[in-house]
PDB file of N, CA and C in Angstrom:
ATOM      1  N   MET A   1      89.327  83.221 132.349  1.00  0.00           N
ATOM      2  CA  MET A   1      91.177  82.852 131.181  1.00  0.00           C
ATOM      3  C   MET A   1      92.064  83.389 131.969  1.00  0.00           C
ATOM      4  N   MET A   2      93.135  82.806 132.177  1.00  0.00           N
ATOM      5  CA  MET A   2      94.458  83.637 132.744  1.00  0.00           C
ATOM      6  C   MET A   2      95.651  83.339 131.700  1.00  0.00           C
ATOM      7  N   ASN A   3      96.602  84.308 131.839  1.00  0.00           N
ATOM      8  CA  ASN A   3      97.608  84.293 131.017  1.00  0.00           C
ATOM      9  C   ASN A   3      98.630  84.743 131.796  1.00  0.00           C
ATOM     10  N   THR A   4      99.917  84.573 130.975  1.00  0.00           N
ATOM     11  CA  THR A   4     101.167  84.551 131.559  1.00  0.00           C
ATOM     12  C   THR A   4     101.429  85.771 132.078  1.00  0.00           C
ATOM     13  N   ALA A   5     100.434  86.796 131.856  1.00  0.00           N
ATOM     14  CA  ALA A   5     100.965  88.119 132.035  1.00  0.00           C
ATOM     15  C   ALA A   5      99.989  88.241 133.758  1.00  0.00           C
ATOM     16  N   ASP A   6      99.578  87.244 134.441  1.00  0.00           N
ATOM     17  CA  ASP A   6      99.026  87.434 136.140  1.00  0.00           C
ATOM     18  C   ASP A   6      99.959  86.793 136.605  1.00  0.00           C
ATOM     19  N   ARG A   7     101.125  87.246 136.996  1.00  0.00           N
ATOM     20  CA  ARG A   7     102.264  86.375 137.556  1.00  0.00           C
ATOM     21  C   ARG A   7     101.508  86.559 139.261  1.00  0.00           C
ATOM     22  N   SER A   8     100.990  87.560 139.358  1.00  0.00           N
ATOM     23  CA  SER A   8     100.664  87.976 140.876  1.00  0.00           C
ATOM     24  C   SER A   8      99.729  87.130 141.469  1.00  0.00           C
ATOM     25  N   LEU A   9      99.181  86.155 140.537  1.00  0.00           N
ATOM     26  CA  LEU A   9      98.111  85.111 140.702  1.00  0.00           C
ATOM     27  C   LEU A   9      98.847  84.042 141.013  1.00  0.00           C
ATOM     28  N   ALA A  10     100.057  83.646 140.751  1.00  0.00           N
ATOM     29  CA  ALA A  10     100.921  82.514 140.309  1.00  0.00           C
ATOM     30  C   ALA A  10     100.479  81.234 141.326  1.00  0.00           C
ATOM     31  N   MET A  11     100.019  81.633 142.611  1.00  0.00           N
ATOM     32  CA  MET A  11      99.971  80.393 143.570  1.00  0.00           C
ATOM     33  C   MET A  11      98.233  79.575 143.123  1.00  0.00           C
ATOM     34  N   ILE A  12      97.440  80.700 142.488  1.00  0.00           N
ATOM     35  CA  ILE A  12      96.336  80.251 142.372  1.00  0.00           C
ATOM     36  C   ILE A  12      96.063  79.746 141.045  1.00  0.00           C
ATOM     37  N   ASP A  13      96.885  80.271 140.155  1.00  0.00           N
ATOM     38  CA  ASP A  13      97.704  79.312 138.802  1.00  0.00           C
ATOM     39  C   ASP A  13      97.712  78.432 138.911  1.00  0.00           C
ATOM     40  N   TYR A  14      98.689  77.768 139.895  1.00  0.00           N
ATOM     41  CA  TYR A  14      99.113  76.441 139.799  1.00  0.00           C
ATOM     42  C   TYR A  14      98.274  75.675 140.673  1.00  0.00           C
ATOM     43  N   ALA A  15      97.413  76.362 141.389  1.00  0.00           N
ATOM     44  CA  ALA A  15      96.266  75.416 142.085  1.00  0.00           C
ATOM     45  C   ALA A  15      95.349  74.784 140.887  1.00  0.00           C
ATOM     46  N   LEU A  16      95.083  75.804 139.847  1.00  0.00           N
ATOM     47  CA  LEU A  16      93.839  75.455 138.995  1.00  0.00           C
ATOM     48  C   LEU A  16      94.781  74.797 138.121  1.00  0.00           C
ATOM     49  N   ARG A  17      95.641  74.422 137.543  1.00  0.00           N
ATOM     50  CA  ARG A  17      96.581  73.801 136.848  1.00  0.00           C
ATOM     51  C   ARG A  17      96.607  72.246 137.434  1.00  0.00           C
ATOM     52  N   ARG A  18      96.795  72.125 138.071  1.00  0.00           N
ATOM     53  CA  ARG A  18      96.869  70.887 139.098  1.00  0.00           C
ATOM     54  C   ARG A  18      95.142  70.209 138.596  1.00  0.00           C
ATOM     55  N   ARG A  19      93.855  71.123 138.949  1.00  0.00           N
ATOM     56  CA  ARG A  19      92.813  70.726 138.744  1.00  0.00           C
ATOM     57  C   ARG A  19      91.847  70.649 137.217  1.00  0.00           C
ATOM     58  N   PHE A  20      92.459  71.289 136.680  1.00  0.00           N
ATOM     59  CA  PHE A  20      91.961  71.424 135.056  1.00  0.00           C
ATOM     60  C   PHE A  20      92.763  71.158 133.861  1.00  0.00           C
ATOM     61  N   SER A  21      92.254  70.876 132.534  1.00  0.00           N
ATOM     62  CA  SER A  21      92.980  71.192 131.630  1.00  0.00           C
ATOM     63  C   SER A  21      93.128  72.232 131.277  1.00  0.00           C
ATOM     64  N   PHE A  22      94.168  72.720 130.307  1.00  0.00           N
ATOM     65  CA  PHE A  22      94.781  73.968 129.709  1.00  0.00           C
ATOM     66  C   PHE A  22      95.183  73.714 128.527  1.00  0.00           C
ATOM     67  N   PHE A  23      94.757  74.738 127.466  1.00  0.00           N
ATOM     68  CA  PHE A  23      95.705  75.001 126.229  1.00  0.00           C
ATOM     69  C   PHE A  23      95.912  76.006 125.660  1.00  0.00           C
ATOM     70  N   GLU A  24      96.602  76.174 125.193  1.00  0.00           N
ATOM     71  CA  GLU A  24      97.096  77.636 124.595  1.00  0.00           C
ATOM     72  C   GLU A  24      96.340  78.498 123.712  1.00  0.00           C
ATOM     73  N   MET A  25      96.211  79.407 123.880  1.00  0.00           N
ATOM     74  CA  MET A  25      95.285  80.255 122.504  1.00  0.00           C
ATOM     75  C   MET A  25      96.425  81.339 121.996  1.00  0.00           C
ATOM     76  N   GLU A  26      96.115  81.514 121.227  1.00  0.00           N
ATOM     77  CA  GLU A  26      97.144  82.911 120.714  1.00  0.00           C
ATOM     78  C   GLU A  26      96.302  83.543 119.944  1.00  0.00           C
ATOM     79  N   PRO A  27      96.619  85.188 119.697  1.00  0.00           N
ATOM     80  CA  PRO A  27      95.523  86.043 119.448  1.00  0.00           C
ATOM     81  C   PRO A  27      95.019  85.566 117.751  1.00  0.00           C
ATOM     82  N   GLY A  28      93.689  85.413 117.725  1.00  0.00           N
ATOM     83  CA  GLY A  28      93.180  85.406 116.117  1.00  0.00           C
ATOM     84  C   GLY A  28      93.088  85.993 115.356  1.00  0.00           C
ATOM     85  N   PHE A  29      94.133  87.350 115.294  1.00  0.00           N
ATOM     86  CA  PHE A  29      94.113  87.972 113.935  1.00  0.00           C
ATOM     87  C   PHE A  29      94.082  87.610 112.678  1.00  0.00           C
ATOM     88  N   ASP A  30      94.458  86.323 112.517  1.00  0.00           N
ATOM     89  CA  ASP A  30      94.503  85.549 111.408  1.00  0.00           C
ATOM     90  C   ASP A  30      93.596  84.833 111.170  1.00  0.00           C
ATOM     91  N   SER A  31      92.570  84.766 112.325  1.00  0.00           N
ATOM     92  CA  SER A  31      91.417  83.398 111.905  1.00  0.00           C
ATOM     93  C   SER A  31      90.570  83.890 110.900  1.00  0.00           C
ATOM     94  N   GLU A  32      89.668  82.853 110.762  1.00  0.00           N
ATOM     95  CA  GLU A  32      89.007  83.346 109.504  1.00  0.00           C
ATOM     96  C   GLU A  32      87.639  84.174 109.767  1.00  0.00           C
ATOM     97  N   GLY A  33      87.163  83.771 111.315  1.00  0.00           N
ATOM     98  CA  GLY A  33      85.824  84.549 111.548  1.00  0.00           C
ATOM     99  C   GLY A  33      86.698  86.095 111.859  1.00  0.00           C
ATOM    100  N   PHE A  34      87.719  86.443 112.445  1.00  0.00           N
ATOM    101  CA  PHE A  34      88.287  87.876 112.454  1.00  0.00           C
ATOM    102  C   PHE A  34      88.426  88.340 111.381  1.00  0.00           C
ATOM    103  N   VAL A  35      88.936  87.874 110.544  1.00  0.00           N
ATOM    104  CA  VAL A  35      89.019  88.646 109.164  1.00  0.00           C
ATOM    105  C   VAL A  35      88.053  89.235 108.629  1.00  0.00           C
ATOM    106  N   ALA A  36      87.236  88.005 108.381  1.00  0.00           N
ATOM    107  CA  ALA A  36      85.646  88.312 107.872  1.00  0.00           C
ATOM    108  C   ALA A  36      85.256  89.205 108.608  1.00  0.00           C
ATOM    109  N   TYR A  37      85.124  89.646 110.096  1.00  0.00           N
ATOM    110  CA  TYR A  37      84.980  90.822 110.755  1.00  0.00           C
ATOM    111  C   TYR A  37      85.467  91.814 110.435  1.00  0.00           C
ATOM    112  N   GLN A  38      86.759  91.757 110.244  1.00  0.00           N
ATOM    113  CA  GLN A  38      87.720  92.765 109.897  1.00  0.00           C
ATOM    114  C   GLN A  38      86.948  93.466 108.407  1.00  0.00           C
ATOM    115  N   LYS A  39      86.882  92.422 107.800  1.00  0.00           N
ATOM    116  CA  LYS A  39      86.535  92.959 106.318  1.00  0.00           C
ATOM    117  C   LYS A  39      85.323  93.856 106.527  1.00  0.00           C
ATOM    118  N   SER A  40      84.078  92.947 107.223  1.00  0.00           N
ATOM    119  CA  SER A  40      82.877  93.954 107.389  1.00  0.00           C
ATOM    120  C   SER A  40      82.887  95.075 108.143  1.00  0.00           C
ATOM    121  N   LEU A  41      83.941  95.284 108.959  1.00  0.00           N
ATOM    122  CA  LEU A  41      83.836  96.787 109.145  1.00  0.00           C
ATOM    123  C   LEU A  41      84.196  97.763 108.100  1.00  0.00           C
ATOM    124  N   ASP A  42      85.173  97.376 107.322  1.00  0.00           N
ATOM    125  CA  ASP A  42      85.654  98.754 106.164  1.00  0.00           C
ATOM    126  C   ASP A  42      86.285  99.464 106.897  1.00  0.00           C
ATOM    127  N   ASN A  43      87.507  99.485 107.349  1.00  0.00           N
ATOM    128  CA  ASN A  43      87.882 100.509 107.908  1.00  0.00           C
ATOM    129  C   ASN A  43      89.373 100.609 107.776  1.00  0.00           C
ATOM    130  N   GLU A  44      90.194 101.776 107.244  1.00  0.00           N
ATOM    131  CA  GLU A  44      91.268 101.482 106.745  1.00  0.00           C
ATOM    132  C   GLU A  44      92.171 101.767 108.318  1.00  0.00           C
ATOM    133  N   VAL A  45      92.136 102.406 109.133  1.00  0.00           N
ATOM    134  CA  VAL A  45      92.328 102.839 110.301  1.00  0.00           C
ATOM    135  C   VAL A  45      92.491 101.455 111.066  1.00  0.00           C
ATOM    136  N   LEU A  46      91.811 100.717 111.114  1.00  0.00           N
ATOM    137  CA  LEU A  46      91.642  99.584 112.067  1.00  0.00           C
ATOM    138  C   LEU A  46      92.449  98.776 111.083  1.00  0.00           C
ATOM    139  N   ASP A  47      92.670  98.693 110.055  1.00  0.00           N
ATOM    140  CA  ASP A  47      93.209  97.442 109.181  1.00  0.00           C
ATOM    141  C   ASP A  47      94.713  97.866 109.409  1.00  0.00           C
ATOM    142  N   GLU A  48      95.292  99.065 109.424  1.00  0.00           N
ATOM    143  CA  GLU A  48      96.608  99.570 109.953  1.00  0.00           C
ATOM    144  C   GLU A  48      97.074  99.255 110.995  1.00  0.00           C
ATOM    145  N   LEU A  49      95.863  99.530 112.500  1.00  0.00           N
ATOM    146  CA  LEU A  49      96.255  99.450 113.549  1.00  0.00           C
ATOM    147  C   LEU A  49      96.317  97.944 113.904  1.00  0.00           C
ATOM    148  N   VAL A  50      95.432  97.054 113.253  1.00  0.00           N
ATOM    149  CA  VAL A  50      95.841  95.678 113.621  1.00  0.00           C
ATOM    150  C   VAL A  50      97.053  95.272 112.818  1.00  0.00           C
ATOM    151  N   ALA A  51      97.425  95.943 111.914  1.00  0.00           N
ATOM    152  CA  ALA A  51      98.609  95.346 111.201  1.00  0.00           C
ATOM    153  C   ALA A  51     100.288  95.598 112.299  1.00  0.00           C
ATOM    154  N   ARG A  52      99.736  97.076 112.733  1.00  0.00           N
ATOM    155  CA  ARG A  52     100.764  97.092 113.364  1.00  0.00           C
ATOM    156  C   ARG A  52     100.626  96.305 115.004  1.00  0.00           C
ATOM    157  N   VAL A  53      99.479  95.959 115.344  1.00  0.00           N
ATOM    158  CA  VAL A  53      99.588  95.502 116.712  1.00  0.00           C
ATOM    159  C   VAL A  53     100.253  93.528 116.436  1.00  0.00           C
ATOM    160  N   LYS A  54     100.138  93.449 115.020  1.00  0.00           N
ATOM    161  CA  LYS A  54     100.639  92.047 114.566  1.00  0.00           C
ATOM    162  C   LYS A  54     101.905  92.206 114.750  1.00  0.00           C
ATOM    163  N   GLU A  55     102.609  93.217 114.593  1.00  0.00           N
ATOM    164  CA  GLU A  55     104.272  93.875 114.396  1.00  0.00           C
ATOM    165  C   GLU A  55     104.637  93.759 115.878  1.00  0.00           C
ATOM    166  N   LEU A  56     103.869  94.530 116.791  1.00  0.00           N
ATOM    167  CA  LEU A  56     104.116  94.676 118.314  1.00  0.00           C
ATOM    168  C   LEU A  56     104.138  93.152 119.059  1.00  0.00           C
ATOM    169  N   ASN A  57     103.103  92.288 118.726  1.00  0.00           N
ATOM    170  CA  ASN A  57     103.261  90.856 119.044  1.00  0.00           C
ATOM    171  C   ASN A  57     104.430  90.069 118.658  1.00  0.00           C
ATOM    172  N   ALA A  58     104.662  90.166 117.467  1.00  0.00           N
ATOM    173  CA  ALA A  58     106.229  89.651 117.112  1.00  0.00           C
ATOM    174  C   ALA A  58     107.220  89.887 117.706  1.00  0.00           C
ATOM    175  N   GLU A  59     107.076  91.227 118.438  1.00  0.00           N
ATOM    176  CA  GLU A  59     108.309  91.436 119.333  1.00  0.00           C
ATOM    177  C   GLU A  59     108.029  91.415 120.799  1.00  0.00           C
ATOM    178  N   ILE A  60     106.792  91.539 120.900  1.00  0.00           N
ATOM    179  CA  ILE A  60     106.353  90.813 122.737  1.00  0.00           C
ATOM    180  C   ILE A  60     106.786  89.460 122.518  1.00  0.00           C
ATOM    181  N   ALA A  61     106.459  88.543 121.338  1.00  0.00           N
ATOM    182  CA  ALA A  61     107.104  87.084 121.517  1.00  0.00           C
ATOM    183  C   ALA A  61     108.511  87.064 121.405  1.00  0.00           C
ATOM    184  N   ARG A  62     109.056  87.656 120.875  1.00  0.00           N
ATOM    185  CA  ARG A  62     110.792  87.572 120.852  1.00  0.00           C
ATOM    186  C   ARG A  62     111.325  88.340 121.866  1.00  0.00           C
ATOM    187  N   ASP A  63     110.631  89.030 123.341  1.00  0.00           N
ATOM    188  CA  ASP A  63     111.316  89.629 124.200  1.00  0.00           C
ATOM    189  C   ASP A  63     111.348  88.321 125.233  1.00  0.00           C
ATOM    190  N   ARG A  64     112.582  88.318 125.996  1.00  0.00           N
ATOM    191  CA  ARG A  64     113.064  87.046 126.560  1.00  0.00           C
ATOM    192  C   ARG A  64     112.073  87.252 127.998  1.00  0.00           C
ATOM    193  N   SER A  65     112.148  88.664 128.616  1.00  0.00           N
ATOM    194  CA  SER A  65     111.488  88.598 129.429  1.00  0.00           C
ATOM    195  C   SER A  65     109.787  88.636 129.662  1.00  0.00           C
ATOM    196  N   LEU A  66     109.124  88.455 128.539  1.00  0.00           N
ATOM    197  CA  LEU A  66     107.831  88.127 127.988  1.00  0.00           C
ATOM    198  C   LEU A  66     107.802  86.979 127.637  1.00  0.00           C
ATOM    199  N   GLY A  67     107.374  87.047 126.188  1.00  0.00           N
ATOM    200  CA  GLY A  67     107.163  86.267 125.447  1.00  0.00           C
ATOM    201  C   GLY A  67     105.674  85.916 125.145  1.00  0.00           C
ATOM    202  N   ARG A  68     105.214  84.919 124.143  1.00  0.00           N
ATOM    203  CA  ARG A  68     104.150  84.643 123.383  1.00  0.00           C
ATOM    204  C   ARG A  68     102.919  84.897 124.020  1.00  0.00           C
ATOM    205  N   GLY A  69     102.855  84.435 125.735  1.00  0.00           N
ATOM    206  CA  GLY A  69     101.666  84.508 126.479  1.00  0.00           C
ATOM    207  C   GLY A  69     101.269  85.866 126.966  1.00  0.00           C
ATOM    208  N   PHE A  70     102.260  86.933 126.585  1.00  0.00           N
ATOM    209  CA  PHE A  70     101.809  88.773 127.082  1.00  0.00           C
ATOM    210  C   PHE A  70     101.465  89.195 125.528  1.00  0.00           C
ATOM    211  N   CYS A  71     101.164  88.586 124.186  1.00  0.00           N
ATOM    212  CA  CYS A  71     100.637  88.670 123.110  1.00  0.00           C
ATOM    213  C   CYS A  71      99.103  89.744 123.111  1.00  0.00           C
ATOM    214  N   ILE A  72      99.028  90.622 122.850  1.00  0.00           N
ATOM    215  CA  ILE A  72      98.284  91.695 122.471  1.00  0.00           C
ATOM    216  C   ILE A  72      96.891  90.673 121.724  1.00  0.00           C
ATOM    217  N   GLY A  73      95.757  90.581 122.387  1.00  0.00           N
ATOM    218  CA  GLY A  73      95.103  89.835 121.631  1.00  0.00           C
ATOM    219  C   GLY A  73      93.631  90.928 120.869  1.00  0.00           C
ATOM    220  N   HIS A  74      92.928  89.706 119.817  1.00  0.00           N
ATOM    221  CA  HIS A  74      92.334  90.578 118.546  1.00  0.00           C
ATOM    222  C   HIS A  74      90.728  90.742 119.518  1.00  0.00           C
ATOM    223  N   SER A  75      90.456  90.297 120.702  1.00  0.00           N
ATOM    224  CA  SER A  75      89.262  90.696 121.303  1.00  0.00           C
ATOM    225  C   SER A  75      89.105  92.378 121.618  1.00  0.00           C
ATOM    226  N   TYR A  76      90.100  93.010 121.444  1.00  0.00           N
ATOM    227  CA  TYR A  76      89.999  94.326 122.085  1.00  0.00           C
ATOM    228  C   TYR A  76      89.702  95.148 120.891  1.00  0.00           C
ATOM    229  N   PHE A  77      89.567  94.347 119.346  1.00  0.00           N
ATOM    230  CA  PHE A  77      88.775  94.824 118.394  1.00  0.00           C
ATOM    231  C   PHE A  77      87.502  94.150 117.671  1.00  0.00           C
ATOM    232  N   CYS A  78      86.890  93.730 118.993  1.00  0.00           N
ATOM    233  CA  CYS A  78      85.694  92.776 118.521  1.00  0.00           C
ATOM    234  C   CYS A  78      84.597  93.565 119.032  1.00  0.00           C
ATOM    235  N   GLY A  79      83.376  93.446 118.635  1.00  0.00           N
ATOM    236  CA  GLY A  79      81.980  93.791 119.623  1.00  0.00           C
ATOM    237  C   GLY A  79      81.677  94.619 118.761  1.00  0.00           C
ATOM    238  N   ARG A  80      82.136  95.478 118.009  1.00  0.00           N
ATOM    239  CA  ARG A  80      81.426  96.440 117.283  1.00  0.00           C
ATOM    240  C   ARG A  80      80.964  96.430 115.934  1.00  0.00           C
ATOM    241  N   ASP A  81      79.693  97.121 115.737  1.00  0.00           N
ATOM    242  CA  ASP A  81      79.250  96.997 114.320  1.00  0.00           C
ATOM    243  C   ASP A  81      79.755  98.423 113.056  1.00  0.00           C
ATOM    244  N   VAL A  82      80.886  99.367 113.865  1.00  0.00           N
ATOM    245  CA  VAL A  82      81.583 100.312 113.045  1.00  0.00           C
ATOM    246  C   VAL A  82      82.417 100.636 113.647  1.00  0.00           C
ATOM    247  N   ALA A  83      83.653 100.707 113.219  1.00  0.00           N
ATOM    248  CA  ALA A  83      85.198 101.038 113.918  1.00  0.00           C
ATOM    249  C   ALA A  83      85.236 102.427 113.527  1.00  0.00           C
ATOM    250  N   ASP A  84      84.670 102.987 115.056  1.00  0.00           N
ATOM    251  CA  ASP A  84      85.090 104.710 114.506  1.00  0.00           C
ATOM    252  C   ASP A  84      86.559 104.737 115.062  1.00  0.00           C
ATOM    253  N   GLU A  85      86.897 106.181 114.590  1.00  0.00           N
ATOM    254  CA  GLU A  85      88.413 106.534 115.489  1.00  0.00           C
ATOM    255  C   GLU A  85      88.409 106.681 116.543  1.00  0.00           C
ATOM    256  N   GLU A  86      87.327 107.209 117.339  1.00  0.00           N
ATOM    257  CA  GLU A  86      87.389 107.407 118.809  1.00  0.00           C
ATOM    258  C   GLU A  86      87.436 105.874 119.545  1.00  0.00           C
ATOM    259  N   TRP A  87      86.665 105.020 118.870  1.00  0.00           N
ATOM    260  CA  TRP A  87      86.707 103.771 119.595  1.00  0.00           C
ATOM    261  C   TRP A  87      87.688 102.942 119.675  1.00  0.00           C
ATOM    262  N   LEU A  88      88.800 103.564 118.306  1.00  0.00           N
ATOM    263  CA  LEU A  88      90.518 102.491 118.483  1.00  0.00           C
ATOM    264  C   LEU A  88      90.961 103.507 118.765  1.00  0.00           C
ATOM    265  N   ARG A  89      90.889 104.940 119.148  1.00  0.00           N
ATOM    266  CA  ARG A  89      92.126 105.792 120.321  1.00  0.00           C
ATOM    267  C   ARG A  89      91.835 105.053 121.531  1.00  0.00           C
ATOM    268  N   GLU A  90      90.820 104.687 121.868  1.00  0.00           N
ATOM    269  CA  GLU A  90      90.715 104.294 123.289  1.00  0.00           C
ATOM    270  C   GLU A  90      91.089 103.067 123.755  1.00  0.00           C
ATOM    271  N   VAL A  91      91.140 101.975 123.064  1.00  0.00           N
ATOM    272  CA  VAL A  91      91.579 101.030 122.148  1.00  0.00           C
ATOM    273  C   VAL A  91      93.164 100.804 123.242  1.00  0.00           C
ATOM    274  N   VAL A  92      93.571 101.690 121.698  1.00  0.00           N
ATOM    275  CA  VAL A  92      94.947 102.050 121.879  1.00  0.00           C
ATOM    276  C   VAL A  92      95.217 102.742 123.340  1.00  0.00           C
ATOM    277  N   ASP A  93      94.615 103.918 123.506  1.00  0.00           N
ATOM    278  CA  ASP A  93      95.116 104.787 124.833  1.00  0.00           C
ATOM    279  C   ASP A  93      95.037 104.132 126.260  1.00  0.00           C
ATOM    280  N   TYR A  94      93.584 103.173 126.516  1.00  0.00           N
ATOM    281  CA  TYR A  94      93.180 103.108 127.296  1.00  0.00           C
ATOM    282  C   TYR A  94      93.142 101.016 127.547  1.00  0.00           C
ATOM    283  N   ASP A  95      93.680 100.654 126.757  1.00  0.00           N
ATOM    284  CA  ASP A  95      93.898  99.232 126.778  1.00  0.00           C
ATOM    285  C   ASP A  95      95.107  98.677 126.279  1.00  0.00           C
ATOM    286  N   ILE A  96      95.862  99.082 125.397  1.00  0.00           N
ATOM    287  CA  ILE A  96      97.106  98.406 125.163  1.00  0.00           C
ATOM    288  C   ILE A  96      98.056  99.237 125.835  1.00  0.00           C
ATOM    289  N   LEU A  97      98.255 100.403 125.717  1.00  0.00           N
ATOM    290  CA  LEU A  97      99.118 101.210 126.296  1.00  0.00           C
ATOM    291  C   LEU A  97      99.662 101.162 127.440  1.00  0.00           C
ATOM    292  N   PRO A  98      98.406 100.950 128.378  1.00  0.00           N
ATOM    293  CA  PRO A  98      98.730 100.928 129.860  1.00  0.00           C
ATOM    294  C   PRO A  98      99.615  99.458 129.898  1.00  0.00           C
ATOM    295  N   MET A  99      99.091  98.165 129.595  1.00  0.00           N
ATOM    296  CA  MET A  99     100.046  96.902 129.309  1.00  0.00           C
ATOM    297  C   MET A  99     101.284  97.402 128.617  1.00  0.00           C
ATOM    298  N   LEU A 100     101.361  98.207 128.164  1.00  0.00           N
ATOM    299  CA  LEU A 100     103.022  98.088 126.989  1.00  0.00           C
ATOM    300  C   LEU A 100     103.552  98.448 128.287  1.00  0.00           C
ATOM    301  N   THR A 101     103.025  99.878 129.167  1.00  0.00           N
ATOM    302  CA  THR A 101     103.822 100.319 130.164  1.00  0.00           C
ATOM    303  C   THR A 101     104.291  99.382 130.845  1.00  0.00           C
ATOM    304  N   GLU A 102     103.361  98.580 131.611  1.00  0.00           N
ATOM    305  CA  GLU A 102     103.687  97.604 132.753  1.00  0.00           C
ATOM    306  C   GLU A 102     104.744  96.596 131.850  1.00  0.00           C
ATOM    307  N   TYR A 103     104.512  96.212 130.876  1.00  0.00           N
ATOM    308  CA  TYR A 103     105.642  95.298 130.239  1.00  0.00           C
ATOM    309  C   TYR A 103     106.825  95.823 129.898  1.00  0.00           C
ATOM    310  N   TRP A 104     107.155  97.225 129.662  1.00  0.00           N
ATOM    311  CA  TRP A 104     108.591  97.932 129.655  1.00  0.00           C
ATOM    312  C   TRP A 104     108.301  98.861 130.237  1.00  0.00           C
ATOM    313  N   PHE A 105     108.338  98.703 131.420  1.00  0.00           N
ATOM    314  CA  PHE A 105     108.716  99.827 132.384  1.00  0.00           C
ATOM    315  C   PHE A 105     110.175 100.113 132.568  1.00  0.00           C
ATOM    316  N   ASP A 106     110.835  99.435 132.260  1.00  0.00           N
ATOM    317  CA  ASP A 106     112.507  99.145 132.055  1.00  0.00           C
ATOM    318  C   ASP A 106     113.105  99.984 131.023  1.00  0.00           C
ATOM    319  N   ASP A 107     112.346  99.837 129.954  1.00  0.00           N
ATOM    320  CA  ASP A 107     112.766 100.345 128.506  1.00  0.00           C
ATOM    321  C   ASP A 107     111.976 101.300 127.911  1.00  0.00           C
ATOM    322  N   GLU A 108     112.124 102.716 128.255  1.00  0.00           N
ATOM    323  CA  GLU A 108     111.285 103.997 127.946  1.00  0.00           C
ATOM    324  C   GLU A 108     111.215 104.061 126.457  1.00  0.00           C
ATOM    325  N   ALA A 109     112.760 103.916 125.742  1.00  0.00           N
ATOM    326  CA  ALA A 109     112.618 104.125 124.325  1.00  0.00           C
ATOM    327  C   ALA A 109     111.715 102.795 123.963  1.00  0.00           C
ATOM    328  N   LYS A 110     111.587 101.819 123.776  1.00  0.00           N
ATOM    329  CA  LYS A 110     110.633 100.818 123.288  1.00  0.00           C
ATOM    330  C   LYS A 110     109.278 101.516 123.249  1.00  0.00           C
ATOM    331  N   LEU A 111     108.723 101.264 124.902  1.00  0.00           N
ATOM    332  CA  LEU A 111     107.770 101.983 125.426  1.00  0.00           C
ATOM    333  C   LEU A 111     107.012 103.321 124.191  1.00  0.00           C
ATOM    334  N   HIS A 112     108.081 104.182 124.008  1.00  0.00           N
ATOM    335  CA  HIS A 112     108.100 105.462 123.228  1.00  0.00           C
ATOM    336  C   HIS A 112     107.872 105.035 121.562  1.00  0.00           C
ATOM    337  N   ARG A 113     108.656 104.351 121.243  1.00  0.00           N
ATOM    338  CA  ARG A 113     108.645 103.811 120.002  1.00  0.00           C
ATOM    339  C   ARG A 113     106.812 103.298 119.847  1.00  0.00           C
ATOM    340  N   TRP A 114     107.125 102.342 120.466  1.00  0.00           N
ATOM    341  CA  TRP A 114     105.485 101.508 120.139  1.00  0.00           C
ATOM    342  C   TRP A 114     104.140 102.919 120.245  1.00  0.00           C
ATOM    343  N   GLU A 115     104.299 103.526 121.002  1.00  0.00           N
ATOM    344  CA  GLU A 115     103.280 104.520 121.329  1.00  0.00           C
ATOM    345  C   GLU A 115     103.088 105.437 120.290  1.00  0.00           C
ATOM    346  N   ASN A 116     104.025 105.622 119.688  1.00  0.00           N
ATOM    347  CA  ASN A 116     104.402 106.789 118.497  1.00  0.00           C
ATOM    348  C   ASN A 116     103.702 105.733 117.348  1.00  0.00           C
ATOM    349  N   SER A 117     104.271 104.265 116.981  1.00  0.00           N
ATOM    350  CA  SER A 117     103.633 103.686 116.258  1.00  0.00           C
ATOM    351  C   SER A 117     102.528 103.696 115.903  1.00  0.00           C
ATOM    352  N   LEU A 118     101.801 103.375 117.230  1.00  0.00           N
ATOM    353  CA  LEU A 118     100.357 102.959 117.408  1.00  0.00           C
ATOM    354  C   LEU A 118      99.645 104.324 117.024  1.00  0.00           C
ATOM    355  N   HIS A 119      99.868 105.308 117.576  1.00  0.00           N
ATOM    356  CA  HIS A 119      99.515 106.729 117.042  1.00  0.00           C
ATOM    357  C   HIS A 119      99.459 107.072 115.939  1.00  0.00           C
ATOM    358  N   GLY A 120     100.370 106.697 115.631  1.00  0.00           N
ATOM    359  CA  GLY A 120     100.611 106.812 113.986  1.00  0.00           C
ATOM    360  C   GLY A 120      99.481 106.782 113.016  1.00  0.00           C
ATOM    361  N   VAL A 121      98.696 105.551 113.397  1.00  0.00           N
ATOM    362  CA  VAL A 121      98.019 104.932 112.534  1.00  0.00           C
ATOM    363  C   VAL A 121      96.708 106.238 112.467  1.00  0.00           C
ATOM    364  N   PHE A 122      96.350 107.287 113.354  1.00  0.00           N
ATOM    365  CA  PHE A 122      95.715 108.170 113.371  1.00  0.00           C
ATOM    366  C   PHE A 122      96.109 109.451 112.778  1.00  0.00           C
ATOM    367  N   GLN A 123      97.336 109.672 112.229  1.00  0.00           N
ATOM    368  CA  GLN A 123      97.913 110.620 111.495  1.00  0.00           C
ATOM    369  C   GLN A 123      97.628 110.643 110.197  1.00  0.00           C
ATOM    370  N   ARG A 124      96.678 110.931 109.803  1.00  0.00           N
ATOM    371  CA  ARG A 124      96.433 110.990 108.204  1.00  0.00           C
ATOM    372  C   ARG A 124      95.874 111.840 107.756  1.00  0.00           C
TER     373      ARG A 124
END
C-alpha cells in the first residue's frame, strides 16, 4: 500500500497506477469494527487520544500542502488486547510525532501545538 506521503516514490507510484486499480481508503476510526475494538479495550486515555487524532486529521485534511492522503490511520491503535499507557505513548512519540515533524517542518508552532495536545491526554 502507498499513500500520498510517499512522494519520493512518485515514479514507482505512476508505474503502479498504470498497471493496477486503486481506491482511496480513509482512516477507519468511525468504522463499526474499530469502534467495537475500541470499546472492548475500555480505556479512557485511548478514547481521548483517538478523539484528538480525529481532530488532527481534520487539520491535516484542510492543510493545502497535505490533504486527506496524509491523515493518520487507525491501524496505529490496533492489534492489542490491552491498551496500556506505555504503548499509547510509544505510538504518539515514535509513530505520530515523527510524521508530524516531517509534515510541518516549516511550522514549528503548529507542530508544538499538536505535540502538546497529544501529550496532554496523558496528563491525568
